[in-house]
Amino acid sequence: MFKRLYDWTFSLAQSPHAPWALGLIAFAESSFFPLPPDVILVPMTIAKPQNAWRYALICTIGSVLGGMLGYAIGALLYDSIGIWLIQIYGYASKMDALRAFYDKWGALFILIKGLTPIPFKLVTIVSGLLHYNFALFVALALVTRGARFFVLAVLMRQFGEPIRRLLEEYFGWFIGILLAAIVGGVWVAAKFA
């Protein structure tokens, strides 16, 4: 099963449509989709290391644009979608504390969580919900998401071939660790944010 998934991922990464898929996944992950763009960014940069910077830029732009949608969900749709999402992630009883925290530490919160496996959509929706300064939110999202994707692109460009060999051998483990990081990130966000 994992071999087929691995082969499909790498064939998609080499497709002429891969940059569009990458941008779409980065956009969706920042607003509503559970899988991070790293799932396709890694194989794409391994397959075509000469395009690493381009792929990181696509991820960054897609992620920030998706973050703007997430912000809008929090700011404009709080009474419908926003409150539902806040309850799913366990923030409903913590809103006053979260507002106070965001007033004091909002910029640092956005910067740190944008680098972690905690789904970025939580940051974007909460930022909109709390009406965090939109221009500052966009600037911070550019910095944190850009840092994440460009560092990943540098690593893949530099160490791509050894990583490719590891992925070929341990792709199932990679997927398991990625899923554990996503679930763990949601749990940490709900528990400690």
C-alpha atoms as a PDB file:
ATOM      1  CA  MET A   1       0.000   0.000   0.000  1.00  0.00           C
ATOM      2  CA  PHE A   2       2.734   2.481   0.978  1.00  0.00           C
ATOM      3  CA  LYS A   3       4.769   1.605  -2.116  1.00  0.00           C
ATOM      4  CA  ARG A   4       1.836   2.587  -4.356  1.00  0.00           C
ATOM      5  CA  LEU A   5       1.338   5.807  -2.380  1.00  0.00           C
ATOM      6  CA  TYR A   6       5.069   6.560  -2.627  1.00  0.00           C
ATOM      7  CA  ASP A   7       5.078   5.932  -6.384  1.00  0.00           C
ATOM      8  CA  TRP A   8       1.959   8.058  -6.868  1.00  0.00           C
ATOM      9  CA  THR A   9       3.432  10.918  -4.794  1.00  0.00           C
ATOM     10  CA  PHE A  10       6.670  10.945  -6.760  1.00  0.00           C
ATOM     11  CA  SER A  11       4.872  10.683 -10.110  1.00  0.00           C
ATOM     12  CA  LEU A  12       2.662  13.632  -9.103  1.00  0.00           C
ATOM     13  CA  ALA A  13       5.787  15.543  -8.049  1.00  0.00           C
ATOM     14  CA  GLN A  14       7.214  15.121 -11.553  1.00  0.00           C
ATOM     15  CA  SER A  15       3.978  16.051 -13.315  1.00  0.00           C
ATOM     16  CA  PRO A  16       3.695  19.408 -15.109  1.00  0.00           C
ATOM     17  CA  HIS A  17       0.660  20.063 -12.873  1.00  0.00           C
ATOM     18  CA  ALA A  18       2.659  19.602  -9.658  1.00  0.00           C
ATOM     19  CA  PRO A  19       3.269  23.333  -9.006  1.00  0.00           C
ATOM     20  CA  TRP A  20      -0.494  23.973  -9.214  1.00  0.00           C
ATOM     21  CA  ALA A  21      -1.211  21.057  -6.864  1.00  0.00           C
ATOM     22  CA  LEU A  22       1.450  22.331  -4.481  1.00  0.00           C
ATOM     23  CA  GLY A  23      -0.018  25.833  -4.414  1.00  0.00           C
ATOM     24  CA  LEU A  24      -3.533  24.478  -3.965  1.00  0.00           C
ATOM     25  CA  ILE A  25      -2.532  22.190  -1.088  1.00  0.00           C
ATOM     26  CA  ALA A  26      -0.596  25.024   0.611  1.00  0.00           C
ATOM     27  CA  PHE A  27      -3.637  27.294   0.226  1.00  0.00           C
ATOM     28  CA  ALA A  28      -6.078  24.708   1.534  1.00  0.00           C
ATOM     29  CA  GLU A  29      -3.901  23.643   4.494  1.00  0.00           C
ATOM     30  CA  SER A  30      -3.841  27.206   5.840  1.00  0.00           C
ATOM     31  CA  SER A  31      -7.601  27.490   5.879  1.00  0.00           C
ATOM     32  CA  PHE A  32      -9.397  24.134   6.022  1.00  0.00           C
ATOM     33  CA  PHE A  33      -7.433  21.085   4.721  1.00  0.00           C
ATOM     34  CA  PRO A  34      -5.681  18.743   7.199  1.00  0.00           C
ATOM     35  CA  LEU A  35      -2.596  17.707   5.181  1.00  0.00           C
ATOM     36  CA  PRO A  36       0.439  20.008   5.019  1.00  0.00           C
ATOM     37  CA  PRO A  37       2.031  20.885   1.675  1.00  0.00           C
ATOM     38  CA  ASP A  38       5.262  19.221   2.841  1.00  0.00           C
ATOM     39  CA  VAL A  39       3.748  15.944   1.596  1.00  0.00           C
ATOM     40  CA  ILE A  40       4.209  17.120  -1.986  1.00  0.00           C
ATOM     41  CA  LEU A  41       6.961  19.744  -1.472  1.00  0.00           C
ATOM     42  CA  VAL A  42       9.465  17.109  -0.320  1.00  0.00           C
ATOM     43  CA  PRO A  43       9.127  14.796  -3.333  1.00  0.00           C
ATOM     44  CA  MET A  44       8.974  17.747  -5.721  1.00  0.00           C
ATOM     45  CA  THR A  45      12.239  19.233  -4.481  1.00  0.00           C
ATOM     46  CA  ILE A  46      13.881  15.808  -4.473  1.00  0.00           C
ATOM     47  CA  ALA A  47      12.701  15.152  -8.041  1.00  0.00           C
ATOM     48  CA  LYS A  48      13.716  18.601  -9.316  1.00  0.00           C
ATOM     49  CA  PRO A  49      16.186  20.206  -6.883  1.00  0.00           C
ATOM     50  CA  GLN A  50      16.899  23.025  -9.356  1.00  0.00           C
ATOM     51  CA  ASN A  51      13.310  24.235  -8.724  1.00  0.00           C
ATOM     52  CA  ALA A  52      13.532  24.164  -4.906  1.00  0.00           C
ATOM     53  CA  TRP A  53      13.315  27.962  -4.489  1.00  0.00           C
ATOM     54  CA  ARG A  54      10.375  28.190  -6.884  1.00  0.00           C
ATOM     55  CA  TYR A  55       8.511  25.457  -5.030  1.00  0.00           C
ATOM     56  CA  ALA A  56       9.184  27.093  -1.654  1.00  0.00           C
ATOM     57  CA  LEU A  57       7.875  30.390  -3.036  1.00  0.00           C
ATOM     58  CA  ILE A  58       4.730  28.686  -4.376  1.00  0.00           C
ATOM     59  CA  CYS A  59       4.149  27.100  -0.956  1.00  0.00           C
ATOM     60  CA  THR A  60       4.692  30.392   0.824  1.00  0.00           C
ATOM     61  CA  ILE A  61       2.341  32.378  -1.401  1.00  0.00           C
ATOM     62  CA  GLY A  62      -0.313  29.645  -1.383  1.00  0.00           C
ATOM     63  CA  SER A  63      -0.081  29.308   2.391  1.00  0.00           C
ATOM     64  CA  VAL A  64      -0.377  33.060   3.021  1.00  0.00           C
ATOM     65  CA  LEU A  65      -3.323  33.389   0.632  1.00  0.00           C
ATOM     66  CA  GLY A  66      -4.974  30.404   2.355  1.00  0.00           C
ATOM     67  CA  GLY A  67      -4.186  32.065   5.675  1.00  0.00           C
ATOM     68  CA  MET A  68      -6.106  35.114   4.515  1.00  0.00           C
ATOM     69  CA  LEU A  69      -9.102  32.869   3.848  1.00  0.00           C
ATOM     70  CA  GLY A  70      -8.685  31.312   7.298  1.00  0.00           C
ATOM     71  CA  TYR A  71      -8.529  34.809   8.789  1.00  0.00           C
ATOM     72  CA  ALA A  72     -11.746  35.699   6.934  1.00  0.00           C
ATOM     73  CA  ILE A  73     -13.428  32.535   8.245  1.00  0.00           C
ATOM     74  CA  GLY A  74     -12.582  33.591  11.791  1.00  0.00           C
ATOM     75  CA  ALA A  75     -13.462  37.267  11.293  1.00  0.00           C
ATOM     76  CA  LEU A  76     -16.563  37.032   9.106  1.00  0.00           C
ATOM     77  CA  LEU A  77     -18.036  33.607   9.750  1.00  0.00           C
ATOM     78  CA  TYR A  78     -17.510  33.244  13.474  1.00  0.00           C
ATOM     79  CA  ASP A  79     -21.209  32.851  14.256  1.00  0.00           C
ATOM     80  CA  SER A  80     -21.522  29.879  11.902  1.00  0.00           C
ATOM     81  CA  ILE A  81     -18.337  28.105  10.811  1.00  0.00           C
ATOM     82  CA  GLY A  82     -15.970  29.865  13.211  1.00  0.00           C
ATOM     83  CA  ILE A  83     -17.700  28.857  16.443  1.00  0.00           C
ATOM     84  CA  TRP A  84     -18.048  25.288  15.185  1.00  0.00           C
ATOM     85  CA  LEU A  85     -14.313  25.075  14.454  1.00  0.00           C
ATOM     86  CA  ILE A  86     -13.430  26.695  17.786  1.00  0.00           C
ATOM     87  CA  GLN A  87     -15.524  24.073  19.594  1.00  0.00           C
ATOM     88  CA  ILE A  88     -13.954  21.216  17.606  1.00  0.00           C
ATOM     89  CA  TYR A  89     -10.470  22.340  18.614  1.00  0.00           C
ATOM     90  CA  GLY A  90     -11.481  22.886  22.253  1.00  0.00           C
ATOM     91  CA  TYR A  91     -11.113  26.678  22.433  1.00  0.00           C
ATOM     92  CA  ALA A  92     -14.737  27.562  23.322  1.00  0.00           C
ATOM     93  CA  SER A  93     -14.150  27.685  27.084  1.00  0.00           C
ATOM     94  CA  LYS A  94     -10.822  29.471  26.673  1.00  0.00           C
ATOM     95  CA  MET A  95     -11.856  32.500  24.586  1.00  0.00           C
ATOM     96  CA  ASP A  96     -11.264  35.196  27.239  1.00  0.00           C
ATOM     97  CA  ALA A  97      -7.865  33.789  28.130  1.00  0.00           C
ATOM     98  CA  LEU A  98      -7.048  33.425  24.443  1.00  0.00           C
ATOM     99  CA  ARG A  99      -7.952  37.079  23.772  1.00  0.00           C
ATOM    100  CA  ALA A 100      -5.684  38.244  26.604  1.00  0.00           C
ATOM    101  CA  PHE A 101      -2.899  35.973  25.392  1.00  0.00           C
ATOM    102  CA  TYR A 102      -3.265  37.231  21.801  1.00  0.00           C
ATOM    103  CA  ASP A 103      -3.185  40.866  22.908  1.00  0.00           C
ATOM    104  CA  LYS A 104       0.175  40.273  24.567  1.00  0.00           C
ATOM    105  CA  TRP A 105       1.787  37.482  22.541  1.00  0.00           C
ATOM    106  CA  GLY A 106      -0.091  37.365  19.208  1.00  0.00           C
ATOM    107  CA  ALA A 107       2.915  38.074  16.983  1.00  0.00           C
ATOM    108  CA  LEU A 108       5.071  35.458  18.695  1.00  0.00           C
ATOM    109  CA  PHE A 109       2.171  32.967  18.614  1.00  0.00           C
ATOM    110  CA  ILE A 110       1.797  33.385  14.847  1.00  0.00           C
ATOM    111  CA  LEU A 111       5.543  33.153  14.217  1.00  0.00           C
ATOM    112  CA  ILE A 112       6.126  30.041  16.328  1.00  0.00           C
ATOM    113  CA  LYS A 113       3.020  28.109  15.350  1.00  0.00           C
ATOM    114  CA  GLY A 114       3.640  28.843  11.679  1.00  0.00           C
ATOM    115  CA  LEU A 115       6.838  26.802  11.928  1.00  0.00           C
ATOM    116  CA  THR A 116       5.414  23.831  13.825  1.00  0.00           C
ATOM    117  CA  PRO A 117       3.334  20.815  12.803  1.00  0.00           C
ATOM    118  CA  ILE A 118       0.357  22.429  14.555  1.00  0.00           C
ATOM    119  CA  PRO A 119      -2.092  23.057  11.697  1.00  0.00           C
ATOM    120  CA  PHE A 120      -1.673  26.664  10.532  1.00  0.00           C
ATOM    121  CA  LYS A 121      -5.417  26.946   9.954  1.00  0.00           C
ATOM    122  CA  LEU A 122      -5.843  27.156  13.750  1.00  0.00           C
ATOM    123  CA  VAL A 123      -3.627  30.234  13.809  1.00  0.00           C
ATOM    124  CA  THR A 124      -5.333  31.863  10.837  1.00  0.00           C
ATOM    125  CA  ILE A 125      -8.892  31.323  12.054  1.00  0.00           C
ATOM    126  CA  VAL A 126      -8.107  32.406  15.617  1.00  0.00           C
ATOM    127  CA  SER A 127      -6.302  35.507  14.302  1.00  0.00           C
ATOM    128  CA  GLY A 128      -9.408  36.484  12.342  1.00  0.00           C
ATOM    129  CA  LEU A 129     -11.716  35.603  15.194  1.00  0.00           C
ATOM    130  CA  LEU A 130      -9.773  37.867  17.553  1.00  0.00           C
ATOM    131  CA  HIS A 131      -9.484  40.586  14.889  1.00  0.00           C
ATOM    132  CA  TYR A 132      -5.713  40.619  15.053  1.00  0.00           C
ATOM    133  CA  ASN A 133      -4.205  43.398  12.934  1.00  0.00           C
ATOM    134  CA  PHE A 134      -4.655  42.038   9.391  1.00  0.00           C
ATOM    135  CA  ALA A 135      -1.591  43.692   7.807  1.00  0.00           C
ATOM    136  CA  LEU A 136       0.623  42.488  10.651  1.00  0.00           C
ATOM    137  CA  PHE A 137      -0.921  39.017  10.413  1.00  0.00           C
ATOM    138  CA  VAL A 138      -0.093  38.837   6.682  1.00  0.00           C
ATOM    139  CA  ALA A 139       3.476  40.058   7.274  1.00  0.00           C
ATOM    140  CA  LEU A 140       4.033  37.537  10.078  1.00  0.00           C
ATOM    141  CA  ALA A 141       2.517  34.734   7.995  1.00  0.00           C
ATOM    142  CA  LEU A 142       4.906  35.588   5.136  1.00  0.00           C
ATOM    143  CA  VAL A 143       7.882  35.430   7.497  1.00  0.00           C
ATOM    144  CA  THR A 144       6.963  32.226   9.325  1.00  0.00           C
ATOM    145  CA  ARG A 145       5.633  30.250   6.378  1.00  0.00           C
ATOM    146  CA  GLY A 146       8.420  31.469   4.122  1.00  0.00           C
ATOM    147  CA  ALA A 147      10.988  30.399   6.708  1.00  0.00           C
ATOM    148  CA  ARG A 148       9.416  26.977   7.045  1.00  0.00           C
ATOM    149  CA  PHE A 149       9.193  26.240   3.335  1.00  0.00           C
ATOM    150  CA  PHE A 150      12.525  27.762   2.322  1.00  0.00           C
ATOM    151  CA  VAL A 151      14.381  25.891   5.080  1.00  0.00           C
ATOM    152  CA  LEU A 152      12.715  22.678   3.920  1.00  0.00           C
ATOM    153  CA  ALA A 153      13.655  23.472   0.312  1.00  0.00           C
ATOM    154  CA  VAL A 154      17.288  24.093   1.328  1.00  0.00           C
ATOM    155  CA  LEU A 155      17.393  20.776   3.190  1.00  0.00           C
ATOM    156  CA  MET A 156      15.846  18.884   0.291  1.00  0.00           C
ATOM    157  CA  ARG A 157      18.151  20.552  -2.221  1.00  0.00           C
ATOM    158  CA  GLN A 158      21.212  19.819  -0.105  1.00  0.00           C
ATOM    159  CA  PHE A 159      20.348  16.325   1.132  1.00  0.00           C
ATOM    160  CA  GLY A 160      17.693  15.251  -1.364  1.00  0.00           C
ATOM    161  CA  GLU A 161      19.264  12.058  -2.653  1.00  0.00           C
ATOM    162  CA  PRO A 162      19.981  10.513   0.787  1.00  0.00           C
ATOM    163  CA  ILE A 163      16.481  11.551   1.885  1.00  0.00           C
ATOM    164  CA  ARG A 164      14.996   9.991  -1.258  1.00  0.00           C
ATOM    165  CA  ARG A 165      16.707   6.681  -0.436  1.00  0.00           C
ATOM    166  CA  LEU A 166      15.390   6.860   3.130  1.00  0.00           C
ATOM    167  CA  LEU A 167      11.876   7.625   1.871  1.00  0.00           C
ATOM    168  CA  GLU A 168      11.981   4.707  -0.543  1.00  0.00           C
ATOM    169  CA  GLU A 169      12.863   2.392   2.311  1.00  0.00           C
ATOM    170  CA  TYR A 170      10.801   3.937   5.117  1.00  0.00           C
ATOM    171  CA  PHE A 171       7.899   5.719   3.393  1.00  0.00           C
ATOM    172  CA  GLY A 172       5.338   4.047   5.675  1.00  0.00           C
ATOM    173  CA  TRP A 173       7.192   5.367   8.709  1.00  0.00           C
ATOM    174  CA  PHE A 174       7.365   8.834   7.148  1.00  0.00           C
ATOM    175  CA  ILE A 175       3.585   8.874   6.627  1.00  0.00           C
ATOM    176  CA  GLY A 176       3.021   7.561  10.169  1.00  0.00           C
ATOM    177  CA  ILE A 177       5.268  10.227  11.676  1.00  0.00           C
ATOM    178  CA  LEU A 178       3.607  12.931   9.590  1.00  0.00           C
ATOM    179  CA  LEU A 179       0.131  11.832  10.712  1.00  0.00           C
ATOM    180  CA  ALA A 180       1.298  11.609  14.339  1.00  0.00           C
ATOM    181  CA  ALA A 181       2.722  15.139  14.073  1.00  0.00           C
ATOM    182  CA  ILE A 182      -0.578  16.460  12.710  1.00  0.00           C
ATOM    183  CA  VAL A 183      -2.657  14.727  15.402  1.00  0.00           C
ATOM    184  CA  GLY A 184      -0.141  15.700  18.075  1.00  0.00           C
ATOM    185  CA  GLY A 185      -0.158  19.279  16.841  1.00  0.00           C
ATOM    186  CA  VAL A 186      -3.947  19.498  17.073  1.00  0.00           C
ATOM    187  CA  TRP A 187      -3.835  17.952  20.563  1.00  0.00           C
ATOM    188  CA  VAL A 188      -1.135  20.376  21.737  1.00  0.00           C
ATOM    189  CA  ALA A 189      -3.030  23.317  20.275  1.00  0.00           C
ATOM    190  CA  ALA A 190      -6.246  22.294  22.023  1.00  0.00           C
ATOM    191  CA  LYS A 191      -4.517  21.455  25.305  1.00  0.00           C
ATOM    192  CA  PHE A 192      -2.043  24.294  25.750  1.00  0.00           C
ATOM    193  CA  ALA A 193      -3.086  27.229  23.579  1.00  0.00           C
END
